Protein backbone atom coordinates (compact mmCIF):
# COMPACT_ATOMS: atom_id res chain seq x y z
CA MET A 1 -187.92 92.99 -8.50
CA PRO A 2 -184.67 91.84 -6.89
CA ILE A 3 -185.49 92.29 -3.21
CA THR A 4 -183.84 90.06 -0.62
CA TYR A 5 -185.73 89.81 2.66
CA HIS A 6 -183.81 89.08 5.85
CA THR A 7 -187.05 89.27 7.85
CA GLU A 8 -189.80 86.88 8.92
CA HIS A 9 -193.02 88.87 9.25
CA ILE A 10 -192.85 91.95 7.02
CA ASN A 11 -195.44 92.13 4.25
CA HIS A 12 -193.44 91.68 1.01
CA ARG A 13 -196.27 92.97 -1.17
CA MET A 14 -196.44 96.18 0.86
CA ILE A 15 -192.72 96.84 0.38
CA GLN A 16 -192.87 96.01 -3.34
CA GLN A 17 -195.92 98.20 -3.90
CA THR A 18 -194.35 101.09 -1.95
CA ILE A 19 -191.26 100.94 -4.18
CA PHE A 20 -193.29 100.57 -7.37
CA HIS A 21 -195.71 103.42 -6.60
CA THR A 22 -192.95 105.75 -5.43
CA LEU A 23 -191.10 105.23 -8.71
CA ALA A 24 -194.23 105.50 -10.86
CA ASN A 25 -195.40 108.70 -9.17
CA LEU A 26 -191.96 110.28 -9.53
CA TYR A 27 -192.06 109.80 -13.32
CA ILE A 28 -189.65 106.88 -13.65
CA ARG A 29 -190.69 105.57 -17.07
CA ASP A 30 -188.79 102.26 -17.26
CA LEU A 31 -189.76 100.74 -13.91
CA LYS A 32 -188.60 97.23 -14.80
CA GLY A 33 -185.24 98.45 -16.11
CA TRP A 34 -184.72 100.67 -13.08
CA LEU A 35 -185.54 97.90 -10.63
CA GLU A 36 -183.36 95.31 -12.38
CA LYS A 37 -180.29 97.47 -11.70
CA TRP A 38 -180.87 97.60 -7.96
CA ASP A 39 -179.93 95.13 -5.25
CA ILE A 40 -182.42 95.83 -2.45
CA HIS A 41 -182.12 94.21 0.98
CA VAL A 42 -184.73 94.42 3.73
CA TRP A 43 -183.45 93.84 7.26
CA ASP A 44 -185.11 93.90 10.67
CA VAL A 45 -184.66 97.24 12.42
CA ASN A 46 -182.89 95.31 15.19
CA ASP A 47 -180.12 94.55 12.66
CA THR A 48 -179.34 98.26 12.22
CA ARG A 49 -175.62 98.82 12.22
CA THR A 50 -175.50 101.40 15.01
CA ALA A 51 -171.75 101.93 14.51
CA TYR A 52 -172.44 103.06 10.94
CA PHE A 53 -175.03 105.61 12.09
CA GLY A 54 -173.11 106.72 15.20
CA HIS A 55 -171.65 109.84 13.58
CA ILE A 56 -174.74 110.69 11.51
CA LYS A 57 -177.26 113.26 12.73
CA THR A 58 -180.83 113.86 11.63
CA THR A 59 -181.73 117.04 9.78
CA SER A 60 -182.70 118.51 13.18
CA GLY A 61 -179.25 117.66 14.59
CA GLN A 62 -180.21 114.65 16.72
CA LYS A 63 -178.61 111.20 16.71
CA ILE A 64 -180.26 108.51 14.60
CA ASN A 65 -182.71 106.42 16.64
CA PRO A 66 -181.83 102.73 16.02
CA ASP A 67 -185.40 101.73 16.96
CA MET A 68 -186.84 103.63 14.00
CA PRO A 69 -186.71 102.44 10.38
CA SER A 70 -183.60 103.62 8.54
CA GLY A 71 -181.72 102.94 5.34
CA VAL A 72 -178.50 103.25 3.41
CA THR A 73 -178.48 103.86 -0.34
CA GLY A 74 -175.37 103.54 -2.48
CA LYS A 75 -174.72 102.93 -6.15
CA TYR A 76 -177.28 100.24 -7.11
CA ARG A 77 -177.51 98.90 -3.52
CA MET A 78 -180.18 99.77 -0.97
CA ASP A 79 -180.29 98.42 2.60
CA LEU A 80 -183.56 99.05 4.43
CA TYR A 81 -183.80 98.49 8.19
CA LEU A 82 -187.52 98.15 8.89
CA HIS A 83 -189.92 96.91 11.55
CA ASP A 84 -190.36 93.18 10.97
CA SER A 85 -194.07 93.33 11.69
CA GLN A 86 -197.48 93.05 10.02
CA ASN A 87 -198.80 95.89 12.22
CA VAL A 88 -200.36 98.61 10.03
CA PHE A 89 -198.83 101.43 12.09
CA LYS A 90 -195.37 99.91 11.69
CA ALA A 91 -196.12 99.46 7.97
CA ARG A 92 -196.69 103.22 7.72
CA GLU A 93 -193.33 103.93 9.35
CA ASN A 94 -191.69 101.38 7.06
CA SER A 95 -193.29 102.80 3.92
CA ASP A 96 -192.02 106.28 4.74
CA ARG A 97 -188.45 104.99 5.04
CA VAL A 98 -188.72 102.89 1.87
CA MET A 99 -190.05 105.90 -0.05
CA HIS A 100 -187.26 108.11 1.37
CA GLU A 101 -184.51 105.72 0.28
CA VAL A 102 -186.09 105.23 -3.16
CA CYS A 103 -186.02 109.02 -3.58
CA HIS A 104 -182.29 108.98 -2.79
CA ALA A 105 -181.82 106.10 -5.24
CA ILE A 106 -183.57 108.03 -8.00
CA LEU A 107 -181.25 110.99 -7.48
CA ILE A 108 -178.02 109.03 -7.00
CA GLY A 109 -175.23 110.39 -9.17
CA THR A 110 -176.74 113.87 -9.27
CA PRO A 111 -175.84 116.95 -7.21
CA ASP A 112 -179.31 116.63 -5.63
CA PHE A 113 -178.72 113.12 -4.18
CA VAL A 114 -178.98 114.30 -0.56
CA SER A 115 -180.35 117.84 -0.66
CA GLY A 116 -183.07 117.04 -3.19
CA VAL A 117 -184.59 114.67 -0.65
CA HIS A 118 -183.72 116.28 2.70
CA ASN A 119 -184.59 119.84 1.66
CA ASN A 120 -188.01 118.66 0.46
CA ILE A 121 -189.01 116.49 3.44
CA ASN A 122 -192.07 118.67 4.08
CA ASN A 123 -192.93 119.09 0.40
CA ARG A 124 -195.03 115.98 -0.23
CA PHE A 125 -197.92 114.65 -2.24
CA THR A 126 -200.11 111.59 -1.68
CA ALA A 127 -200.52 108.52 -3.86
CA SER A 128 -202.75 105.57 -3.04
CA PHE A 129 -202.66 101.90 -3.92
CA TRP A 130 -204.22 98.60 -2.89
CA TYR A 131 -202.18 95.73 -1.46
CA TRP A 132 -202.99 92.29 -0.06
CA ASP A 133 -202.82 92.32 3.74
CA ARG A 134 -203.14 88.73 5.02
CA PHE A 135 -206.90 88.30 4.47
CA LYS A 136 -208.07 91.22 2.35
CA TYR A 137 -207.06 94.02 0.05
CA THR A 138 -206.25 97.23 1.90
CA LYS A 139 -206.02 100.72 0.48
CA PHE A 140 -202.84 102.50 1.46
CA TYR A 141 -202.05 106.20 1.23
CA LEU A 142 -198.38 106.85 0.57
CA SER A 143 -196.91 110.26 1.33
CA ILE A 144 -194.15 110.87 -1.24
CA ILE A 145 -191.41 113.50 -1.01
CA ASP A 146 -191.88 115.68 -4.07
CA ILE A 147 -188.61 115.41 -5.99
CA ARG A 148 -190.36 115.55 -9.38
CA LYS A 149 -188.57 118.76 -10.35
CA TYR A 150 -185.30 116.79 -10.16
CA THR A 151 -186.58 113.61 -11.82
CA VAL A 152 -188.00 115.39 -14.86
CA GLN A 153 -184.56 116.76 -15.74
CA ASN A 154 -182.89 113.39 -15.12
CA LEU A 155 -185.29 110.99 -16.84
CA ASN A 156 -182.83 109.86 -19.47
CA ARG A 157 -179.83 109.12 -17.26
CA ASP A 158 -178.97 105.70 -15.73
């Protein structure tokens, strides 16, 4: 999985497993092929380009909070701005942003690229997985935006 980390403390396995399980649960059949196309960068939330987000509003009309995890997804490039921490509560915030951007990535090139994700924010399902957290395996429950109705019709595209 071509992920470049520009962080010091973030749990790499947690990020990788979040991406993998989001894709698998949204019916992406060729996980390896899908991942090989993408250039994914993980940055500290403090590296958020506030000028880029200055004109962007949340779905509720508020300005983007640069202290919260965020991301930018373009054609085969994903930049994730996450908490550079091993804290489990920060990991939950991070996983939600990673999942959100992966959903956008799945739908890139379709008319549903933005609306398919943002109009379904509250339509979610849960998937669980185990990941190594410093000293032990930890079970994690990932809340995934349900874009399956869009992925089923787009399974055979790039």
